[in-house]
Structures are given as structure tokens and as C-alpha cells.
């Protein structure tokens, strides 16, 4: 269960990082 949690967390983190990159943050 912990592995799945970290897997989802990593996906969300990458998504947020991509958005920040587009906005030039």
C-alpha cells in the first residue's frame, strides 16, 4: 500500500512541476 501511495505522490509531483515549468515559475 505504501508503494502505491508514493507512486501516486510522485505522479502528482511531476504534474505540478510540469505546470510550474509552463508558467515559468
PDB file of N, CA and C in Angstrom:
ATOM      1  N   UNK A   1       0.844  -1.204   0.000  1.00  0.00           N
ATOM      2  CA  UNK A   1       0.000   0.000   0.000  1.00  0.00           C
ATOM      3  C   UNK A   1       0.880   1.256   0.000  1.00  0.00           C
ATOM      4  N   UNK A   2       1.945   1.234   0.768  1.00  0.00           N
ATOM      5  CA  UNK A   2       2.830   2.404   0.817  1.00  0.00           C
ATOM      6  C   UNK A   2       3.438   2.663  -0.563  1.00  0.00           C
ATOM      7  N   UNK A   3       3.783   1.579  -1.250  1.00  0.00           N
ATOM      8  CA  UNK A   3       4.382   1.754  -2.585  1.00  0.00           C
ATOM      9  C   UNK A   3       3.413   2.470  -3.518  1.00  0.00           C
ATOM     10  N   UNK A   4       2.146   2.086  -3.462  1.00  0.00           N
ATOM     11  CA  UNK A   4       1.148   2.712  -4.337  1.00  0.00           C
ATOM     12  C   UNK A   4       1.010   4.188  -3.981  1.00  0.00           C
ATOM     13  N   UNK A   5       1.035   4.488  -2.681  1.00  0.00           N
ATOM     14  CA  UNK A   5       0.901   5.881  -2.233  1.00  0.00           C
ATOM     15  C   UNK A   5       2.033   6.737  -2.788  1.00  0.00           C
ATOM     16  N   UNK A   6       3.258   6.222  -2.677  1.00  0.00           N
ATOM     17  CA  UNK A   6       4.400   7.001  -3.181  1.00  0.00           C
ATOM     18  C   UNK A   6       4.359   7.113  -4.700  1.00  0.00           C
ATOM     19  N   UNK A   7       3.849   6.073  -5.356  1.00  0.00           N
ATOM     20  CA  UNK A   7       3.766   6.100  -6.824  1.00  0.00           C
ATOM     21  C   UNK A   7       2.819   7.213  -7.261  1.00  0.00           C
ATOM     22  N   UNK A   8       1.678   7.316  -6.582  1.00  0.00           N
ATOM     23  CA  UNK A   8       0.704   8.366  -6.913  1.00  0.00           C
ATOM     24  C   UNK A   8       1.283   9.725  -6.558  1.00  0.00           C
ATOM     25  N   UNK A   9       1.938   9.815  -5.408  1.00  0.00           N
ATOM     26  CA  UNK A   9       2.517  11.090  -4.966  1.00  0.00           C
ATOM     27  C   UNK A   9       3.540  11.583  -5.992  1.00  0.00           C
ATOM     28  N   UNK A  10       4.361  10.669  -6.501  1.00  0.00           N
ATOM     29  CA  UNK A  10       5.367  11.042  -7.498  1.00  0.00           C
ATOM     30  C   UNK A  10       4.689  11.550  -8.767  1.00  0.00           C
ATOM     31  N   UNK A  11       3.611  10.899  -9.177  1.00  0.00           N
ATOM     32  CA  UNK A  11       2.898  11.319 -10.392  1.00  0.00           C
ATOM     33  C   UNK A  11       2.345  12.727 -10.216  1.00  0.00           C
ATOM     34  N   UNK A  12       1.753  12.977  -9.047  1.00  0.00           N
ATOM     35  CA  UNK A  12       1.187  14.307  -8.784  1.00  0.00           C
ATOM     36  C   UNK A  12       2.305  15.342  -8.757  1.00  0.00           C
ATOM     37  N   UNK A  13       3.431  15.002  -8.122  1.00  0.00           N
ATOM     38  CA  UNK A  13       4.556  15.938  -8.018  1.00  0.00           C
ATOM     39  C   UNK A  13       5.060  16.314  -9.413  1.00  0.00           C
ATOM     40  N   UNK A  14       5.167  15.308 -10.291  1.00  0.00           N
ATOM     41  CA  UNK A  14       5.639  15.563 -11.661  1.00  0.00           C
ATOM     42  C   UNK A  14       4.637  16.464 -12.390  1.00  0.00           C
ATOM     43  N   UNK A  15       3.355  16.212 -12.165  1.00  0.00           N
ATOM     44  CA  UNK A  15       2.319  17.031 -12.821  1.00  0.00           C
ATOM     45  C   UNK A  15       2.438  18.481 -12.372  1.00  0.00           C
ATOM     46  N   UNK A  16       2.608  18.697 -11.078  1.00  0.00           N
ATOM     47  CA  UNK A  16       2.723  20.066 -10.543  1.00  0.00           C
ATOM     48  C   UNK A  16       3.989  20.722 -11.099  1.00  0.00           C
ATOM     49  N   UNK A  17       5.082  19.975 -11.152  1.00  0.00           N
ATOM     50  CA  UNK A  17       6.344  20.523 -11.658  1.00  0.00           C
ATOM     51  C   UNK A  17       6.175  20.939 -13.115  1.00  0.00           C
ATOM     52  N   UNK A  18       5.439  20.145 -13.897  1.00  0.00           N
ATOM     53  CA  UNK A  18       5.214  20.471 -15.309  1.00  0.00           C
ATOM     54  C   UNK A  18       4.420  21.760 -15.438  1.00  0.00           C
ATOM     55  N   UNK A  19       3.413  21.934 -14.589  1.00  0.00           N
ATOM     56  CA  UNK A  19       2.597  23.154 -14.647  1.00  0.00           C
ATOM     57  C   UNK A  19       3.455  24.360 -14.274  1.00  0.00           C
ATOM     58  N   UNK A  20       4.264  24.221 -13.222  1.00  0.00           N
ATOM     59  CA  UNK A  20       5.125  25.335 -12.799  1.00  0.00           C
ATOM     60  C   UNK A  20       6.082  25.710 -13.929  1.00  0.00           C
ATOM     61  N   UNK A  21       6.573  24.695 -14.649  1.00  0.00           N
ATOM     62  CA  UNK A  21       7.519  24.948 -15.747  1.00  0.00           C
ATOM     63  C   UNK A  21       6.830  25.757 -16.839  1.00  0.00           C
ATOM     64  N   UNK A  22       5.612  25.394 -17.172  1.00  0.00           N
ATOM     65  CA  UNK A  22       4.880  26.109 -18.239  1.00  0.00           C
ATOM     66  C   UNK A  22       4.644  27.564 -17.832  1.00  0.00           C
ATOM     67  N   UNK A  23       4.311  27.773 -16.569  1.00  0.00           N
ATOM     68  CA  UNK A  23       4.035  29.150 -16.131  1.00  0.00           C
ATOM     69  C   UNK A  23       5.327  29.923 -15.842  1.00  0.00           C
ATOM     70  N   UNK A  24       6.473  29.280 -16.054  1.00  0.00           N
ATOM     71  CA  UNK A  24       7.747  29.958 -15.802  1.00  0.00           C
ATOM     72  C   UNK A  24       7.931  30.277 -14.330  1.00  0.00           C
ATOM     73  N   UNK A  25       7.447  29.382 -13.472  1.00  0.00           N
ATOM     74  CA  UNK A  25       7.563  29.638 -12.027  1.00  0.00           C
ATOM     75  C   UNK A  25       8.916  29.195 -11.511  1.00  0.00           C
TER      76      UNK A  25
END
